[in-house]
C-alpha cells in the first residue's frame, strides 16, 4: 500500500514539474515577444516616427 502511495506521489510530482517547464517556456516566449514590441516602439519614438 505504501509502495503505491509513493509511486503515485512521485508520478504526480513528475507531471507537475513537466507542466511547469512547459508553462515557463511559454512565459519566456511571451516576455521575449513583449520585449521586442517595446524595443520597436522605443526605436520608432527615438527616430521621431
PDB file of N, CA and C in Angstrom:
ATOM      1  N   UNK A   1       0.818  -1.198   0.000  1.00  0.00           N
ATOM      2  CA  UNK A   1       0.000   0.000   0.000  1.00  0.00           C
ATOM      3  C   UNK A   1       0.858   1.256   0.000  1.00  0.00           C
ATOM      4  N   UNK A   2       1.892   1.280   0.828  1.00  0.00           N
ATOM      5  CA  UNK A   2       2.765   2.450   0.884  1.00  0.00           C
ATOM      6  C   UNK A   2       3.532   2.594  -0.430  1.00  0.00           C
ATOM      7  N   UNK A   3       3.880   1.456  -1.030  1.00  0.00           N
ATOM      8  CA  UNK A   3       4.592   1.491  -2.312  1.00  0.00           C
ATOM      9  C   UNK A   3       3.754   2.203  -3.374  1.00  0.00           C
ATOM     10  N   UNK A   4       2.454   1.920  -3.412  1.00  0.00           N
ATOM     11  CA  UNK A   4       1.560   2.582  -4.379  1.00  0.00           C
ATOM     12  C   UNK A   4       1.445   4.077  -4.086  1.00  0.00           C
ATOM     13  N   UNK A   5       1.381   4.424  -2.821  1.00  0.00           N
ATOM     14  CA  UNK A   5       1.278   5.835  -2.428  1.00  0.00           C
ATOM     15  C   UNK A   5       2.539   6.598  -2.847  1.00  0.00           C
ATOM     16  N   UNK A   6       3.697   6.011  -2.619  1.00  0.00           N
ATOM     17  CA  UNK A   6       4.957   6.656  -3.014  1.00  0.00           C
ATOM     18  C   UNK A   6       5.032   6.790  -4.530  1.00  0.00           C
ATOM     19  N   UNK A   7       4.652   5.744  -5.237  1.00  0.00           N
ATOM     20  CA  UNK A   7       4.673   5.782  -6.707  1.00  0.00           C
ATOM     21  C   UNK A   7       3.722   6.850  -7.238  1.00  0.00           C
ATOM     22  N   UNK A   8       2.526   6.920  -6.684  1.00  0.00           N
ATOM     23  CA  UNK A   8       1.553   7.919  -7.124  1.00  0.00           C
ATOM     24  C   UNK A   8       2.053   9.332  -6.829  1.00  0.00           C
ATOM     25  N   UNK A   9       2.676   9.525  -5.675  1.00  0.00           N
ATOM     26  CA  UNK A   9       3.209  10.837  -5.313  1.00  0.00           C
ATOM     27  C   UNK A   9       4.334  11.253  -6.253  1.00  0.00           C
ATOM     28  N   UNK A  10       5.233  10.329  -6.537  1.00  0.00           N
ATOM     29  CA  UNK A  10       6.326  10.637  -7.460  1.00  0.00           C
ATOM     30  C   UNK A  10       5.818  10.929  -8.862  1.00  0.00           C
ATOM     31  N   UNK A  11       4.833  10.185  -9.311  1.00  0.00           N
ATOM     32  CA  UNK A  11       4.247  10.419 -10.630  1.00  0.00           C
ATOM     33  C   UNK A  11       3.566  11.782 -10.695  1.00  0.00           C
ATOM     34  N   UNK A  12       2.831  12.131  -9.655  1.00  0.00           N
ATOM     35  CA  UNK A  12       2.173  13.442  -9.614  1.00  0.00           C
ATOM     36  C   UNK A  12       3.209  14.557  -9.603  1.00  0.00           C
ATOM     37  N   UNK A  13       4.297  14.372  -8.867  1.00  0.00           N
ATOM     38  CA  UNK A  13       5.368  15.368  -8.848  1.00  0.00           C
ATOM     39  C   UNK A  13       6.027  15.516 -10.206  1.00  0.00           C
ATOM     40  N   UNK A  14       6.260  14.413 -10.875  1.00  0.00           N
ATOM     41  CA  UNK A  14       6.863  14.447 -12.209  1.00  0.00           C
ATOM     42  C   UNK A  14       5.957  15.178 -13.196  1.00  0.00           C
ATOM     43  N   UNK A  15       4.671  14.916 -13.130  1.00  0.00           N
ATOM     44  CA  UNK A  15       3.726  15.602 -14.015  1.00  0.00           C
ATOM     45  C   UNK A  15       3.681  17.102 -13.727  1.00  0.00           C
ATOM     46  N   UNK A  16       3.738  17.462 -12.453  1.00  0.00           N
ATOM     47  CA  UNK A  16       3.719  18.885 -12.087  1.00  0.00           C
ATOM     48  C   UNK A  16       4.965  19.593 -12.598  1.00  0.00           C
ATOM     49  N   UNK A  17       6.117  18.945 -12.479  1.00  0.00           N
ATOM     50  CA  UNK A  17       7.365  19.550 -12.954  1.00  0.00           C
ATOM     51  C   UNK A  17       7.342  19.700 -14.466  1.00  0.00           C
ATOM     52  N   UNK A  18       6.860  18.680 -15.153  1.00  0.00           N
ATOM     53  CA  UNK A  18       6.784  18.741 -16.617  1.00  0.00           C
ATOM     54  C   UNK A  18       5.843  19.856 -17.067  1.00  0.00           C
ATOM     55  N   UNK A  19       4.707  19.974 -16.427  1.00  0.00           N
ATOM     56  CA  UNK A  19       3.758  21.033 -16.774  1.00  0.00           C
ATOM     57  C   UNK A  19       4.360  22.395 -16.459  1.00  0.00           C
ATOM     58  N   UNK A  20       5.096  22.499 -15.374  1.00  0.00           N
ATOM     59  CA  UNK A  20       5.752  23.753 -15.005  1.00  0.00           C
ATOM     60  C   UNK A  20       6.781  24.177 -16.030  1.00  0.00           C
ATOM     61  N   UNK A  21       7.519  23.226 -16.564  1.00  0.00           N
ATOM     62  CA  UNK A  21       8.524  23.552 -17.578  1.00  0.00           C
ATOM     63  C   UNK A  21       7.858  24.108 -18.831  1.00  0.00           C
ATOM     64  N   UNK A  22       6.775  23.493 -19.244  1.00  0.00           N
ATOM     65  CA  UNK A  22       6.061  23.984 -20.420  1.00  0.00           C
ATOM     66  C   UNK A  22       5.511  25.380 -20.172  1.00  0.00           C
ATOM     67  N   UNK A  23       5.017  25.614 -18.985  1.00  0.00           N
ATOM     68  CA  UNK A  23       4.459  26.922 -18.658  1.00  0.00           C
ATOM     69  C   UNK A  23       5.554  27.980 -18.653  1.00  0.00           C
ATOM     70  N   UNK A  24       6.696  27.670 -18.070  1.00  0.00           N
ATOM     71  CA  UNK A  24       7.796  28.630 -18.004  1.00  0.00           C
ATOM     72  C   UNK A  24       8.360  28.904 -19.395  1.00  0.00           C
ATOM     73  N   UNK A  25       8.398  27.897 -20.240  1.00  0.00           N
ATOM     74  CA  UNK A  25       8.866  28.102 -21.611  1.00  0.00           C
ATOM     75  C   UNK A  25       7.933  29.059 -22.338  1.00  0.00           C
ATOM     76  N   UNK A  26       6.648  28.867 -22.182  1.00  0.00           N
ATOM     77  CA  UNK A  26       5.662  29.759 -22.812  1.00  0.00           C
ATOM     78  C   UNK A  26       5.767  31.168 -22.271  1.00  0.00           C
ATOM     79  N   UNK A  27       5.984  31.290 -20.958  1.00  0.00           N
ATOM     80  CA  UNK A  27       6.145  32.605 -20.349  1.00  0.00           C
ATOM     81  C   UNK A  27       7.383  33.298 -20.905  1.00  0.00           C
ATOM     82  N   UNK A  28       8.457  32.566 -21.061  1.00  0.00           N
ATOM     83  CA  UNK A  28       9.679  33.139 -21.625  1.00  0.00           C
ATOM     84  C   UNK A  28       9.470  33.642 -23.043  1.00  0.00           C
ATOM     85  N   UNK A  29       8.752  32.882 -23.837  1.00  0.00           N
ATOM     86  CA  UNK A  29       8.471  33.309 -25.214  1.00  0.00           C
ATOM     87  C   UNK A  29       7.597  34.559 -25.232  1.00  0.00           C
ATOM     88  N   UNK A  30       6.606  34.612 -24.341  1.00  0.00           N
ATOM     89  CA  UNK A  30       5.732  35.783 -24.269  1.00  0.00           C
ATOM     90  C   UNK A  30       6.513  37.029 -23.853  1.00  0.00           C
ATOM     91  N   UNK A  31       7.395  36.869 -22.869  1.00  0.00           N
ATOM     92  CA  UNK A  31       8.195  38.012 -22.425  1.00  0.00           C
ATOM     93  C   UNK A  31       9.160  38.472 -23.510  1.00  0.00           C
ATOM     94  N   UNK A  32       9.710  37.530 -24.261  1.00  0.00           N
ATOM     95  CA  UNK A  32      10.612  37.885 -25.354  1.00  0.00           C
ATOM     96  C   UNK A  32       9.847  38.666 -26.430  1.00  0.00           C
ATOM     97  N   UNK A  33       8.650  38.238 -26.746  1.00  0.00           N
ATOM     98  CA  UNK A  33       7.831  38.935 -27.725  1.00  0.00           C
ATOM     99  C   UNK A  33       7.476  40.339 -27.239  1.00  0.00           C
ATOM    100  N   UNK A  34       7.115  40.449 -25.972  1.00  0.00           N
ATOM    101  CA  UNK A  34       6.794  41.749 -25.385  1.00  0.00           C
ATOM    102  C   UNK A  34       8.001  42.671 -25.431  1.00  0.00           C
ATOM    103  N   UNK A  35       9.173  42.137 -25.116  1.00  0.00           N
ATOM    104  CA  UNK A  35      10.398  42.934 -25.171  1.00  0.00           C
ATOM    105  C   UNK A  35      10.680  43.457 -26.566  1.00  0.00           C
ATOM    106  N   UNK A  36      10.441  42.625 -27.578  1.00  0.00           N
ATOM    107  CA  UNK A  36      10.641  43.066 -28.959  1.00  0.00           C
ATOM    108  C   UNK A  36       9.673  44.168 -29.341  1.00  0.00           C
ATOM    109  N   UNK A  37       8.449  44.081 -28.868  1.00  0.00           N
ATOM    110  CA  UNK A  37       7.456  45.118 -29.155  1.00  0.00           C
ATOM    111  C   UNK A  37       7.836  46.439 -28.497  1.00  0.00           C
ATOM    112  N   UNK A  38       8.270  46.370 -27.249  1.00  0.00           N
ATOM    113  CA  UNK A  38       8.680  47.579 -26.536  1.00  0.00           C
ATOM    114  C   UNK A  38       9.902  48.192 -27.202  1.00  0.00           C
ATOM    115  N   UNK A  39      10.839  47.354 -27.593  1.00  0.00           N
ATOM    116  CA  UNK A  39      12.046  47.850 -28.262  1.00  0.00           C
ATOM    117  C   UNK A  39      11.703  48.543 -29.585  1.00  0.00           C
ATOM    118  N   UNK A  40      10.783  47.945 -30.341  1.00  0.00           N
ATOM    119  CA  UNK A  40      10.369  48.548 -31.599  1.00  0.00           C
ATOM    120  C   UNK A  40       9.675  49.884 -31.394  1.00  0.00           C
ATOM    121  N   UNK A  41       8.816  49.974 -30.387  1.00  0.00           N
ATOM    122  CA  UNK A  41       8.119  51.224 -30.097  1.00  0.00           C
ATOM    123  C   UNK A  41       9.100  52.296 -29.638  1.00  0.00           C
ATOM    124  N   UNK A  42      10.068  51.905 -28.832  1.00  0.00           N
ATOM    125  CA  UNK A  42      11.065  52.864 -28.359  1.00  0.00           C
ATOM    126  C   UNK A  42      11.923  53.371 -29.514  1.00  0.00           C
ATOM    127  N   UNK A  43      12.255  52.467 -30.422  1.00  0.00           N
ATOM    128  CA  UNK A  43      13.063  52.843 -31.574  1.00  0.00           C
ATOM    129  C   UNK A  43      12.299  53.833 -32.470  1.00  0.00           C
ATOM    130  N   UNK A  44      11.021  53.580 -32.692  1.00  0.00           N
ATOM    131  CA  UNK A  44      10.196  54.493 -33.506  1.00  0.00           C
ATOM    132  C   UNK A  44      10.087  55.856 -32.828  1.00  0.00           C
ATOM    133  N   UNK A  45       9.902  55.849 -31.523  1.00  0.00           N
ATOM    134  CA  UNK A  45       9.769  57.096 -30.777  1.00  0.00           C
ATOM    135  C   UNK A  45      11.075  57.893 -30.803  1.00  0.00           C
ATOM    136  N   UNK A  46      12.200  57.201 -30.735  1.00  0.00           N
ATOM    137  CA  UNK A  46      13.507  57.840 -30.745  1.00  0.00           C
ATOM    138  C   UNK A  46      13.769  58.494 -32.113  1.00  0.00           C
ATOM    139  N   UNK A  47      13.333  57.840 -33.169  1.00  0.00           N
ATOM    140  CA  UNK A  47      13.570  58.351 -34.521  1.00  0.00           C
ATOM    141  C   UNK A  47      12.529  59.380 -34.945  1.00  0.00           C
ATOM    142  N   UNK A  48      11.548  59.639 -34.095  1.00  0.00           N
ATOM    143  CA  UNK A  48      10.538  60.654 -34.405  1.00  0.00           C
ATOM    144  C   UNK A  48       9.492  60.209 -35.397  1.00  0.00           C
ATOM    145  N   UNK A  49       9.289  58.939 -35.520  1.00  0.00           N
ATOM    146  CA  UNK A  49       8.287  58.418 -36.474  1.00  0.00           C
ATOM    147  C   UNK A  49       6.913  58.453 -35.896  1.00  0.00           C
TER     148      UNK A  49
END
